[in-house]
N, C-alpha and C. Protein backbone atom coordinates (compact mmCIF):
# COMPACT_ATOMS: atom_id res chain seq x y z
N MET A 1 19.64 56.52 -5.53
CA MET A 1 20.87 56.57 -6.33
C MET A 1 21.60 57.91 -6.15
N LYS A 2 20.81 59.01 -6.21
CA LYS A 2 21.41 60.33 -6.03
C LYS A 2 22.04 60.46 -4.65
N THR A 3 21.37 59.86 -3.65
CA THR A 3 21.89 59.92 -2.28
C THR A 3 23.23 59.20 -2.19
N LYS A 4 23.35 58.04 -2.85
CA LYS A 4 24.60 57.28 -2.83
C LYS A 4 25.72 58.05 -3.50
N ILE A 5 25.39 58.70 -4.63
CA ILE A 5 26.40 59.49 -5.34
C ILE A 5 26.86 60.67 -4.49
N SER A 6 25.90 61.31 -3.82
CA SER A 6 26.23 62.45 -2.96
C SER A 6 27.14 62.02 -1.81
N LEU A 7 26.81 60.87 -1.20
CA LEU A 7 27.63 60.35 -0.10
C LEU A 7 29.03 59.99 -0.58
N LEU A 8 29.11 59.41 -1.78
CA LEU A 8 30.42 59.05 -2.34
C LEU A 8 31.26 60.30 -2.59
N LEU A 9 30.64 61.33 -3.17
CA LEU A 9 31.36 62.58 -3.43
C LEU A 9 31.82 63.23 -2.13
N LEU A 10 30.96 63.17 -1.11
CA LEU A 10 31.31 63.73 0.19
C LEU A 10 32.50 62.98 0.79
N PHE A 11 32.47 61.64 0.67
CA PHE A 11 33.56 60.82 1.20
C PHE A 11 34.87 61.13 0.49
N LEU A 12 34.79 61.22 -0.85
CA LEU A 12 36.00 61.52 -1.63
C LEU A 12 36.54 62.90 -1.30
N GLY A 13 35.64 63.86 -1.09
CA GLY A 13 36.06 65.21 -0.73
C GLY A 13 36.77 65.23 0.61
N GLN A 14 36.23 64.48 1.58
CA GLN A 14 36.86 64.41 2.90
C GLN A 14 38.20 63.70 2.83
N LEU A 15 38.29 62.68 1.95
CA LEU A 15 39.54 61.95 1.78
C LEU A 15 40.63 62.85 1.23
N VAL A 16 40.28 63.68 0.25
CA VAL A 16 41.25 64.61 -0.34
C VAL A 16 41.72 65.62 0.71
N LEU A 17 40.76 66.15 1.49
CA LEU A 17 41.12 67.11 2.53
C LEU A 17 42.04 66.49 3.56
N ALA A 18 41.79 65.21 3.90
CA ALA A 18 42.61 64.52 4.89
C ALA A 18 44.04 64.34 4.40
N GLN A 19 44.23 64.30 3.08
CA GLN A 19 45.56 64.13 2.51
C GLN A 19 46.28 65.46 2.32
N ASN A 20 45.59 66.56 2.53
CA ASN A 20 46.18 67.88 2.36
C ASN A 20 46.99 68.28 3.58
N LEU A 21 47.98 69.11 3.34
CA LEU A 21 48.80 69.68 4.39
C LEU A 21 48.31 71.09 4.68
N LYS A 22 47.86 71.34 5.90
CA LYS A 22 47.41 72.68 6.28
C LYS A 22 48.61 73.50 6.75
N MET A 23 48.69 74.72 6.27
CA MET A 23 49.82 75.58 6.60
C MET A 23 49.34 76.94 7.08
N THR A 24 49.90 77.41 8.19
CA THR A 24 49.65 78.76 8.69
C THR A 24 51.00 79.47 8.84
N PHE A 25 50.92 80.79 9.00
CA PHE A 25 52.14 81.60 8.97
C PHE A 25 52.04 82.73 9.98
N LYS A 26 53.17 83.09 10.58
CA LYS A 26 53.21 84.32 11.36
C LYS A 26 54.61 84.91 11.29
N ASN A 27 54.64 86.24 11.33
CA ASN A 27 55.90 86.96 11.36
C ASN A 27 56.34 87.06 12.81
N VAL A 28 57.51 86.52 13.12
CA VAL A 28 57.96 86.43 14.51
C VAL A 28 58.48 87.76 15.03
N THR A 29 58.75 88.70 14.15
CA THR A 29 59.37 89.97 14.56
C THR A 29 58.32 90.99 15.00
N SER A 30 57.49 90.62 15.96
CA SER A 30 56.42 91.51 16.40
C SER A 30 56.80 92.35 17.62
N HIS A 31 57.81 91.94 18.39
CA HIS A 31 58.24 92.71 19.55
C HIS A 31 58.88 94.02 19.08
N PRO A 32 58.39 95.17 19.59
CA PRO A 32 58.84 96.48 19.07
C PRO A 32 60.35 96.69 19.07
N GLU A 33 61.02 96.41 20.20
CA GLU A 33 62.46 96.65 20.27
C GLU A 33 63.23 95.68 19.39
N LEU A 34 62.82 94.42 19.43
CA LEU A 34 63.48 93.43 18.58
C LEU A 34 63.26 93.76 17.11
N ARG A 35 62.08 94.24 16.79
CA ARG A 35 61.76 94.58 15.40
C ARG A 35 62.68 95.68 14.89
N GLU A 36 63.00 96.64 15.74
CA GLU A 36 63.89 97.73 15.32
C GLU A 36 65.28 97.21 15.00
N VAL A 37 65.78 96.30 15.84
CA VAL A 37 67.12 95.73 15.62
C VAL A 37 67.14 94.91 14.33
N LEU A 38 66.12 94.07 14.16
CA LEU A 38 66.06 93.23 12.97
C LEU A 38 65.90 94.07 11.70
N TYR A 39 65.10 95.13 11.80
CA TYR A 39 64.93 96.01 10.65
C TYR A 39 66.26 96.67 10.28
N PHE A 40 67.01 97.08 11.29
CA PHE A 40 68.31 97.72 11.04
C PHE A 40 69.25 96.76 10.31
N GLN A 41 69.19 95.49 10.68
CA GLN A 41 70.03 94.47 10.06
C GLN A 41 69.38 93.83 8.83
N ASN A 42 68.17 94.30 8.49
CA ASN A 42 67.42 93.78 7.34
C ASN A 42 67.19 92.27 7.45
N ILE A 43 66.74 91.85 8.64
CA ILE A 43 66.46 90.44 8.93
C ILE A 43 64.97 90.24 9.09
N GLN A 44 64.45 89.16 8.55
CA GLN A 44 63.06 88.77 8.77
C GLN A 44 63.02 87.33 9.27
N VAL A 45 62.16 87.10 10.28
CA VAL A 45 61.97 85.75 10.82
C VAL A 45 60.52 85.35 10.57
N SER A 46 60.34 84.29 9.81
CA SER A 46 59.00 83.82 9.45
C SER A 46 58.79 82.41 10.01
N GLU A 47 57.67 82.20 10.68
CA GLU A 47 57.37 80.88 11.24
C GLU A 47 56.21 80.24 10.49
N PHE A 48 56.43 79.02 10.05
CA PHE A 48 55.41 78.25 9.33
C PHE A 48 55.00 77.05 10.16
N ASN A 49 53.69 76.84 10.26
CA ASN A 49 53.16 75.69 11.00
C ASN A 49 52.41 74.78 10.03
N PHE A 50 52.67 73.48 10.14
CA PHE A 50 52.09 72.50 9.23
C PHE A 50 51.31 71.45 10.03
N GLU A 51 50.15 71.07 9.50
CA GLU A 51 49.31 70.08 10.18
C GLU A 51 48.80 69.03 9.21
N ASN A 52 48.96 67.77 9.59
CA ASN A 52 48.35 66.63 8.92
C ASN A 52 48.64 65.42 9.81
N GLU A 53 47.63 64.58 10.00
CA GLU A 53 47.79 63.45 10.92
C GLU A 53 48.87 62.47 10.47
N LYS A 54 49.24 62.50 9.19
CA LYS A 54 50.25 61.59 8.67
C LYS A 54 51.63 62.24 8.56
N LEU A 55 51.78 63.41 9.16
CA LEU A 55 53.02 64.17 9.03
C LEU A 55 54.16 63.56 9.83
N GLY A 56 53.85 62.99 10.99
CA GLY A 56 54.88 62.41 11.85
C GLY A 56 55.65 61.30 11.15
N GLY A 57 56.98 61.33 11.31
CA GLY A 57 57.82 60.29 10.72
C GLY A 57 58.28 60.58 9.31
N LYS A 58 57.86 61.70 8.75
CA LYS A 58 58.24 62.02 7.37
C LYS A 58 59.46 62.95 7.32
N HIS A 59 60.20 62.85 6.23
CA HIS A 59 61.30 63.76 5.97
C HIS A 59 60.80 64.94 5.13
N PHE A 60 61.62 65.98 5.05
CA PHE A 60 61.29 67.11 4.19
C PHE A 60 62.56 67.78 3.71
N GLU A 61 62.41 68.57 2.67
CA GLU A 61 63.54 69.34 2.15
C GLU A 61 63.11 70.77 1.92
N VAL A 62 64.07 71.68 2.00
CA VAL A 62 63.84 73.10 1.73
C VAL A 62 64.80 73.52 0.62
N ASN A 63 64.25 74.13 -0.42
CA ASN A 63 65.06 74.55 -1.57
C ASN A 63 64.92 76.04 -1.82
N VAL A 64 65.94 76.61 -2.42
CA VAL A 64 65.94 78.03 -2.80
C VAL A 64 66.18 78.12 -4.31
N TYR A 65 65.24 78.75 -5.00
CA TYR A 65 65.35 78.96 -6.45
C TYR A 65 65.67 80.43 -6.70
N GLU A 66 66.56 80.68 -7.63
CA GLU A 66 66.89 82.05 -8.01
C GLU A 66 66.44 82.31 -9.45
N PHE A 67 65.70 83.41 -9.63
CA PHE A 67 65.19 83.77 -10.95
C PHE A 67 65.75 85.14 -11.37
N VAL A 68 66.21 85.23 -12.60
CA VAL A 68 66.70 86.49 -13.16
C VAL A 68 65.96 86.74 -14.47
N GLU A 69 65.32 87.91 -14.56
CA GLU A 69 64.55 88.29 -15.75
C GLU A 69 63.53 87.21 -16.13
N GLY A 70 62.90 86.63 -15.11
CA GLY A 70 61.84 85.65 -15.35
C GLY A 70 62.32 84.24 -15.63
N LYS A 71 63.63 84.02 -15.66
CA LYS A 71 64.18 82.70 -15.97
C LYS A 71 64.88 82.12 -14.74
N LEU A 72 64.75 80.80 -14.57
CA LEU A 72 65.42 80.12 -13.46
C LEU A 72 66.93 80.12 -13.69
N LYS A 73 67.67 80.67 -12.74
CA LYS A 73 69.13 80.70 -12.84
C LYS A 73 69.74 79.50 -12.14
N GLN A 74 69.27 79.22 -10.92
CA GLN A 74 69.82 78.09 -10.19
C GLN A 74 68.87 77.64 -9.09
N LYS A 75 69.03 76.38 -8.69
CA LYS A 75 68.32 75.80 -7.56
C LYS A 75 69.36 75.32 -6.56
N THR A 76 69.19 75.72 -5.29
CA THR A 76 70.13 75.33 -4.25
C THR A 76 69.37 74.71 -3.09
N GLN A 77 69.85 73.59 -2.61
CA GLN A 77 69.18 72.93 -1.49
C GLN A 77 69.69 73.51 -0.17
N LEU A 78 68.77 73.97 0.65
CA LEU A 78 69.12 74.50 1.96
C LEU A 78 69.16 73.41 3.01
N LEU A 79 68.23 72.45 2.90
CA LEU A 79 68.07 71.44 3.94
C LEU A 79 67.43 70.19 3.36
N ASP A 80 67.91 69.02 3.78
CA ASP A 80 67.29 67.74 3.42
C ASP A 80 67.41 66.82 4.63
N THR A 81 66.30 66.59 5.32
CA THR A 81 66.35 65.81 6.56
C THR A 81 66.57 64.32 6.32
N SER A 82 66.45 63.86 5.07
CA SER A 82 66.66 62.44 4.80
C SER A 82 68.11 62.02 4.98
N GLU A 83 68.98 63.00 5.23
CA GLU A 83 70.39 62.69 5.49
C GLU A 83 70.57 62.05 6.86
N ALA A 84 69.57 62.20 7.75
CA ALA A 84 69.66 61.62 9.10
C ALA A 84 68.26 61.37 9.64
N ASP A 85 68.00 60.18 10.14
CA ASP A 85 66.66 59.82 10.62
C ASP A 85 66.20 60.66 11.80
N PHE A 86 67.15 61.13 12.64
CA PHE A 86 66.74 61.90 13.82
C PHE A 86 66.20 63.28 13.45
N LEU A 87 66.33 63.66 12.18
CA LEU A 87 65.80 64.94 11.72
C LEU A 87 64.36 64.84 11.22
N LYS A 88 63.80 63.63 11.23
CA LYS A 88 62.43 63.45 10.77
C LYS A 88 61.45 64.33 11.55
N ILE A 89 60.33 64.66 10.92
CA ILE A 89 59.25 65.33 11.63
C ILE A 89 58.70 64.38 12.68
N LYS A 90 58.57 64.84 13.90
CA LYS A 90 58.17 63.96 15.00
C LYS A 90 56.66 63.78 15.08
N TYR A 91 55.93 64.86 14.88
CA TYR A 91 54.48 64.80 15.05
C TYR A 91 53.85 66.03 14.40
N SER A 92 52.55 66.02 14.35
CA SER A 92 51.76 67.16 13.85
C SER A 92 51.07 67.83 15.04
N PRO A 93 51.07 69.17 15.10
CA PRO A 93 51.62 70.12 14.13
C PRO A 93 53.14 70.23 14.21
N PHE A 94 53.73 70.65 13.11
CA PHE A 94 55.17 70.83 13.00
C PHE A 94 55.46 72.29 12.65
N SER A 95 56.42 72.88 13.35
CA SER A 95 56.76 74.30 13.14
C SER A 95 58.20 74.44 12.64
N MET A 96 58.39 75.38 11.75
CA MET A 96 59.73 75.67 11.24
C MET A 96 59.87 77.17 11.04
N LYS A 97 61.01 77.70 11.44
CA LYS A 97 61.30 79.12 11.25
C LYS A 97 62.28 79.28 10.08
N ILE A 98 62.04 80.32 9.30
CA ILE A 98 62.94 80.69 8.21
C ILE A 98 63.52 82.07 8.51
N PHE A 99 64.84 82.17 8.56
CA PHE A 99 65.53 83.44 8.80
C PHE A 99 66.11 83.92 7.48
N THR A 100 65.79 85.15 7.11
CA THR A 100 66.34 85.73 5.88
C THR A 100 66.99 87.07 6.18
N GLN A 101 68.05 87.37 5.46
CA GLN A 101 68.73 88.65 5.61
C GLN A 101 69.29 89.10 4.26
N MET A 102 69.10 90.36 3.96
CA MET A 102 69.70 90.97 2.78
C MET A 102 70.65 92.05 3.28
N LEU A 103 71.95 91.85 3.10
CA LEU A 103 72.91 92.80 3.65
C LEU A 103 74.21 92.75 2.84
N ARG A 104 74.70 93.93 2.49
CA ARG A 104 75.99 94.08 1.80
C ARG A 104 76.10 93.19 0.56
N GLY A 105 75.05 93.20 -0.24
CA GLY A 105 75.10 92.49 -1.51
C GLY A 105 74.91 90.99 -1.43
N THR A 106 74.47 90.50 -0.26
CA THR A 106 74.31 89.06 -0.09
C THR A 106 72.94 88.73 0.50
N PHE A 107 72.30 87.70 -0.04
CA PHE A 107 71.07 87.15 0.52
C PHE A 107 71.45 85.93 1.34
N SER A 108 71.14 85.97 2.64
CA SER A 108 71.45 84.86 3.54
C SER A 108 70.16 84.25 4.06
N ILE A 109 70.13 82.92 4.18
CA ILE A 109 68.93 82.23 4.65
C ILE A 109 69.32 80.99 5.44
N LYS A 110 68.56 80.71 6.49
CA LYS A 110 68.72 79.46 7.24
C LYS A 110 67.35 79.05 7.77
N ALA A 111 67.21 77.78 8.10
CA ALA A 111 65.96 77.25 8.65
C ALA A 111 66.25 76.62 10.00
N SER A 112 65.27 76.68 10.91
CA SER A 112 65.42 76.02 12.20
C SER A 112 64.11 75.33 12.57
N PHE A 113 64.23 74.18 13.23
CA PHE A 113 63.08 73.41 13.68
C PHE A 113 63.54 72.54 14.85
N TYR A 114 62.62 72.31 15.80
CA TYR A 114 62.99 71.61 17.03
C TYR A 114 64.25 72.29 17.59
N ASN A 115 65.32 71.52 17.83
CA ASN A 115 66.57 72.11 18.32
C ASN A 115 67.65 72.11 17.25
N PHE A 116 67.24 72.02 16.00
CA PHE A 116 68.20 71.92 14.90
C PHE A 116 68.13 73.16 14.01
N SER A 117 69.26 73.42 13.36
CA SER A 117 69.32 74.50 12.37
C SER A 117 70.01 74.00 11.12
N SER A 118 69.59 74.51 10.00
CA SER A 118 70.26 74.19 8.74
C SER A 118 71.55 74.99 8.64
N LYS A 119 72.31 74.72 7.61
CA LYS A 119 73.44 75.58 7.28
C LYS A 119 72.89 76.96 6.90
N THR A 120 73.75 77.96 6.92
CA THR A 120 73.38 79.28 6.39
C THR A 120 73.83 79.35 4.94
N LEU A 121 72.87 79.62 4.08
CA LEU A 121 73.16 79.70 2.65
C LEU A 121 73.31 81.16 2.26
N ASP A 122 74.40 81.49 1.59
CA ASP A 122 74.67 82.86 1.13
C ASP A 122 74.67 82.90 -0.39
N LEU A 123 73.83 83.78 -0.95
CA LEU A 123 73.74 83.93 -2.40
C LEU A 123 73.91 85.41 -2.76
N ASP A 124 74.58 85.67 -3.86
CA ASP A 124 74.82 87.05 -4.29
C ASP A 124 73.56 87.65 -4.89
N ILE A 125 73.37 88.95 -4.66
CA ILE A 125 72.29 89.67 -5.34
C ILE A 125 72.88 90.36 -6.57
N LEU A 126 72.01 90.82 -7.46
CA LEU A 126 72.50 91.49 -8.66
C LEU A 126 73.20 92.79 -8.31
N GLU A 127 74.28 93.09 -8.99
CA GLU A 127 75.08 94.27 -8.68
C GLU A 127 74.28 95.56 -8.80
N LYS A 128 73.31 95.58 -9.72
CA LYS A 128 72.56 96.83 -9.95
C LYS A 128 71.52 97.08 -8.86
N ASN A 129 71.25 96.08 -8.02
CA ASN A 129 70.25 96.23 -6.96
C ASN A 129 70.91 96.54 -5.62
N LYS A 130 70.16 97.19 -4.76
CA LYS A 130 70.60 97.43 -3.40
C LYS A 130 69.97 96.39 -2.48
N SER A 131 70.65 96.07 -1.38
CA SER A 131 70.14 95.04 -0.47
C SER A 131 68.74 95.36 0.02
N ARG A 132 68.48 96.63 0.28
CA ARG A 132 67.17 96.99 0.83
C ARG A 132 66.08 97.09 -0.24
N ASP A 133 66.43 96.80 -1.48
CA ASP A 133 65.41 96.68 -2.52
C ASP A 133 64.63 95.38 -2.37
N TYR A 134 65.20 94.42 -1.65
CA TYR A 134 64.60 93.10 -1.52
C TYR A 134 63.79 92.99 -0.24
N ILE A 135 62.60 92.42 -0.34
CA ILE A 135 61.80 92.13 0.84
C ILE A 135 61.24 90.72 0.72
N ALA A 136 61.03 90.08 1.87
CA ALA A 136 60.48 88.72 1.90
C ALA A 136 58.96 88.79 2.01
N LYS A 137 58.27 88.08 1.11
CA LYS A 137 56.81 88.06 1.09
C LYS A 137 56.31 86.62 1.13
N ASP A 138 55.28 86.39 1.96
CA ASP A 138 54.65 85.07 1.97
C ASP A 138 53.57 85.03 0.90
N PHE A 139 52.91 83.88 0.77
CA PHE A 139 51.91 83.69 -0.28
C PHE A 139 50.49 83.56 0.28
N PHE A 140 50.27 84.09 1.48
CA PHE A 140 48.95 83.95 2.10
C PHE A 140 47.97 85.03 1.65
N GLY A 141 48.48 86.23 1.31
CA GLY A 141 47.56 87.30 0.95
C GLY A 141 46.65 87.61 2.12
N ASN A 142 45.32 87.52 1.92
CA ASN A 142 44.37 87.75 3.01
C ASN A 142 43.87 86.45 3.63
N LYS A 143 44.52 85.33 3.30
CA LYS A 143 44.11 84.04 3.86
C LYS A 143 44.86 83.74 5.15
N ILE A 144 44.20 83.01 6.05
CA ILE A 144 44.81 82.62 7.31
C ILE A 144 45.44 81.23 7.20
N VAL A 145 44.77 80.35 6.47
CA VAL A 145 45.23 78.98 6.28
C VAL A 145 45.31 78.67 4.79
N LYS A 146 46.36 77.97 4.39
CA LYS A 146 46.45 77.47 3.02
C LYS A 146 46.64 75.96 3.06
N GLU A 147 46.13 75.27 2.06
CA GLU A 147 46.24 73.82 2.00
C GLU A 147 46.90 73.39 0.69
N TYR A 148 47.76 72.38 0.81
CA TYR A 148 48.46 71.83 -0.34
C TYR A 148 48.47 70.31 -0.25
N PRO A 149 48.50 69.62 -1.38
CA PRO A 149 48.68 68.16 -1.35
C PRO A 149 49.99 67.82 -0.66
N MET A 150 50.01 66.73 0.09
CA MET A 150 51.18 66.35 0.87
C MET A 150 52.43 66.17 0.01
N ASN A 151 52.26 65.71 -1.22
CA ASN A 151 53.42 65.40 -2.06
C ASN A 151 53.83 66.56 -2.97
N LYS A 152 53.25 67.74 -2.75
CA LYS A 152 53.55 68.88 -3.61
C LYS A 152 54.62 69.77 -2.99
N GLU A 153 55.45 70.37 -3.85
CA GLU A 153 56.43 71.35 -3.38
C GLU A 153 55.68 72.64 -3.05
N ILE A 154 55.84 73.10 -1.81
CA ILE A 154 55.04 74.21 -1.29
C ILE A 154 55.85 75.50 -1.30
N PRO A 155 55.34 76.57 -1.90
CA PRO A 155 56.03 77.86 -1.83
C PRO A 155 55.87 78.47 -0.44
N LEU A 156 56.98 78.86 0.16
CA LEU A 156 56.95 79.48 1.49
C LEU A 156 57.13 81.00 1.40
N LEU A 157 58.20 81.42 0.78
CA LEU A 157 58.52 82.85 0.70
C LEU A 157 59.07 83.19 -0.68
N ALA A 158 58.83 84.42 -1.08
CA ALA A 158 59.51 85.00 -2.24
C ALA A 158 60.28 86.22 -1.75
N ILE A 159 61.56 86.25 -2.00
CA ILE A 159 62.38 87.41 -1.65
C ILE A 159 62.54 88.20 -2.94
N ILE A 160 61.81 89.30 -3.03
CA ILE A 160 61.62 89.96 -4.32
C ILE A 160 62.16 91.38 -4.36
N THR A 161 62.49 91.78 -5.57
CA THR A 161 62.70 93.19 -5.87
C THR A 161 61.37 93.71 -6.40
N PRO A 162 61.17 95.02 -6.45
CA PRO A 162 59.85 95.53 -6.87
C PRO A 162 59.56 95.32 -8.35
N THR A 163 58.26 95.31 -8.65
CA THR A 163 57.81 95.37 -10.04
C THR A 163 58.20 96.73 -10.62
N ILE A 164 58.83 96.74 -11.78
CA ILE A 164 59.23 98.00 -12.41
C ILE A 164 58.19 98.39 -13.44
N HIS A 165 57.56 99.56 -13.24
CA HIS A 165 56.52 100.04 -14.14
C HIS A 165 57.12 100.82 -15.31
N SER A 166 56.28 101.13 -16.29
CA SER A 166 56.75 101.81 -17.50
C SER A 166 57.31 103.20 -17.21
N ASP A 167 56.84 103.83 -16.13
CA ASP A 167 57.34 105.16 -15.79
C ASP A 167 58.61 105.11 -14.94
N GLY A 168 59.12 103.89 -14.69
CA GLY A 168 60.34 103.74 -13.92
C GLY A 168 60.13 103.53 -12.43
N SER A 169 58.89 103.69 -11.97
CA SER A 169 58.61 103.49 -10.54
C SER A 169 58.51 102.00 -10.22
N GLY A 170 58.62 101.68 -8.94
CA GLY A 170 58.55 100.28 -8.53
C GLY A 170 57.55 100.08 -7.40
N SER A 171 56.98 98.88 -7.30
CA SER A 171 56.04 98.57 -6.22
C SER A 171 56.02 97.07 -5.96
N TYR A 172 55.60 96.72 -4.74
CA TYR A 172 55.53 95.31 -4.33
C TYR A 172 54.08 94.82 -4.22
N CYS A 173 53.13 95.73 -4.22
CA CYS A 173 51.75 95.40 -3.87
C CYS A 173 51.13 94.32 -4.76
N GLU A 174 51.36 94.40 -6.06
CA GLU A 174 50.74 93.44 -6.97
C GLU A 174 51.11 92.01 -6.64
N VAL A 175 52.36 91.80 -6.28
CA VAL A 175 52.87 90.45 -6.03
C VAL A 175 52.24 89.86 -4.78
N VAL A 176 52.00 90.68 -3.77
CA VAL A 176 51.47 90.20 -2.50
C VAL A 176 50.08 89.60 -2.66
N GLN A 177 49.27 90.16 -3.53
CA GLN A 177 47.87 89.74 -3.66
C GLN A 177 47.62 88.80 -4.84
N THR A 178 48.65 88.34 -5.49
CA THR A 178 48.45 87.62 -6.74
C THR A 178 48.19 86.13 -6.55
N ASP A 179 47.58 85.53 -7.58
CA ASP A 179 47.42 84.08 -7.63
C ASP A 179 48.32 83.47 -8.71
N ILE A 180 49.24 84.28 -9.22
CA ILE A 180 50.17 83.80 -10.24
C ILE A 180 51.11 82.76 -9.62
N LEU A 181 51.45 81.72 -10.37
CA LEU A 181 52.37 80.71 -9.87
C LEU A 181 53.69 81.36 -9.45
N PRO A 182 54.25 80.96 -8.30
CA PRO A 182 55.48 81.60 -7.80
C PRO A 182 56.61 81.63 -8.81
N GLU A 183 56.76 80.56 -9.60
CA GLU A 183 57.86 80.52 -10.56
C GLU A 183 57.61 81.42 -11.77
N LYS A 184 56.41 82.00 -11.87
CA LYS A 184 56.07 82.89 -12.98
C LYS A 184 56.02 84.36 -12.56
N LEU A 185 56.36 84.65 -11.31
CA LEU A 185 56.27 86.03 -10.81
C LEU A 185 57.13 86.99 -11.62
N GLY A 186 58.38 86.61 -11.87
CA GLY A 186 59.29 87.49 -12.59
C GLY A 186 58.81 87.81 -13.98
N GLU A 187 58.35 86.78 -14.68
CA GLU A 187 57.86 86.95 -16.05
C GLU A 187 56.59 87.79 -16.09
N HIS A 188 55.65 87.54 -15.17
CA HIS A 188 54.36 88.22 -15.20
C HIS A 188 54.46 89.67 -14.73
N PHE A 189 55.22 89.90 -13.65
CA PHE A 189 55.27 91.23 -13.05
C PHE A 189 56.53 92.01 -13.41
N LYS A 190 57.33 91.48 -14.31
CA LYS A 190 58.56 92.16 -14.73
C LYS A 190 59.48 92.40 -13.53
N ILE A 191 59.60 91.39 -12.67
CA ILE A 191 60.51 91.48 -11.53
C ILE A 191 61.88 91.01 -12.01
N PRO A 192 62.88 91.87 -11.97
CA PRO A 192 64.19 91.52 -12.54
C PRO A 192 64.92 90.41 -11.80
N HIS A 193 64.71 90.31 -10.49
CA HIS A 193 65.47 89.33 -9.70
C HIS A 193 64.71 88.97 -8.44
N TYR A 194 64.58 87.68 -8.17
CA TYR A 194 63.97 87.26 -6.91
C TYR A 194 64.37 85.83 -6.56
N PHE A 195 64.18 85.49 -5.29
CA PHE A 195 64.44 84.15 -4.79
C PHE A 195 63.13 83.54 -4.32
N LEU A 196 62.97 82.25 -4.55
CA LEU A 196 61.77 81.53 -4.12
C LEU A 196 62.19 80.42 -3.17
N VAL A 197 61.59 80.40 -1.97
CA VAL A 197 61.90 79.38 -0.96
C VAL A 197 60.74 78.40 -0.90
N THR A 198 61.04 77.11 -1.02
CA THR A 198 59.99 76.09 -1.02
C THR A 198 60.30 74.98 -0.03
N MET A 199 59.26 74.20 0.28
CA MET A 199 59.41 73.02 1.14
C MET A 199 58.66 71.86 0.51
N LYS A 200 59.21 70.66 0.66
CA LYS A 200 58.53 69.47 0.16
C LYS A 200 58.63 68.35 1.19
N VAL A 201 57.48 67.80 1.58
CA VAL A 201 57.45 66.66 2.50
C VAL A 201 57.66 65.40 1.69
N LYS A 202 58.49 64.48 2.21
CA LYS A 202 58.82 63.28 1.44
C LYS A 202 58.43 62.01 2.22
């Protein structure tokens, strides 16, 4: 009886894993000369790779959430492939690049995959902040691979201002290593303003 229960639990565990979406990440700006140019323009290029045998033929959407003083201000859709069937994910693994830029008081973002690109979305930053106060952070920490249920909205990047401490100083380190839910970052770490980029497979 114990053997049957163990086998059933093992089967269920494997079934859950098979339904998960595996995600890996790399920063594309590794070339020294290119990195200098991108740094000067305050641009970051992040590549996300997704794997699941059922990924082919599915649509996905990319959304940008803006939080001010820990509260959601607005949600803006960057991309929704269900608008056209030829934009469907073709196969697994699937790769997508996210381009972000903070310049002259504006946060700009676009996504690219295969030979397609999304629109460029431009959002205003808070007047009291400087463009270079914002940096893009992934949610991997010290992990190489992260897994999420296929039907869950997945956090990709947080474009954050620093945590403001009681002495007036600021830092980003706490946010990078945290397990706090992405939508709770502002409230937990006293981050006055940040953007959250997510993806959802449909």
